[in-house]
Amino acid sequence: PSPGCCRSRLACVLLVHYDFPGGAGSHRRGGNWTMTENVLYIGLERTIWAFALGVLVLACYFDYVPLINGFLGHRFWTPLTRLTYGAYLVHPPIIKLLAGSQVNYYTFGAKAMF
């Protein structure tokens, strides 16, 4: 891969995982962000994350990152992928069955978890 491609992938990974000090809910009062900065971060965070994942998926598809591609495509993950795909297929009917058989409104609490 070209050096520019490697640098752009590295920049996407670093920017997505960088801990921005002073963001919403930060304990650093002197470095808190302005309302505009908070709006931009909250509004663009998921878009940037999706773009970074898209770059990674395309890089793996075109085999630009064989190390990551080999790790994610290893046979070790096969049982876990089948289990999670099975849960993905089965959980909507279970939710519909449970929600459809409720007599009262469903309330969330510690007892409802088990």
Foldseek 3Di string as FASTA:
>chain_A
DDPVLVVVLVVLVCVLPPDDAQEPPHPPVVRHDDPVVNCCCVVCNVVSVVVSVVSVVVCLVVVVPVVVVCVVPPPVCVVVVVVVVVCVVPVVVVVCVVVVPDPDDDDDDPVVVD
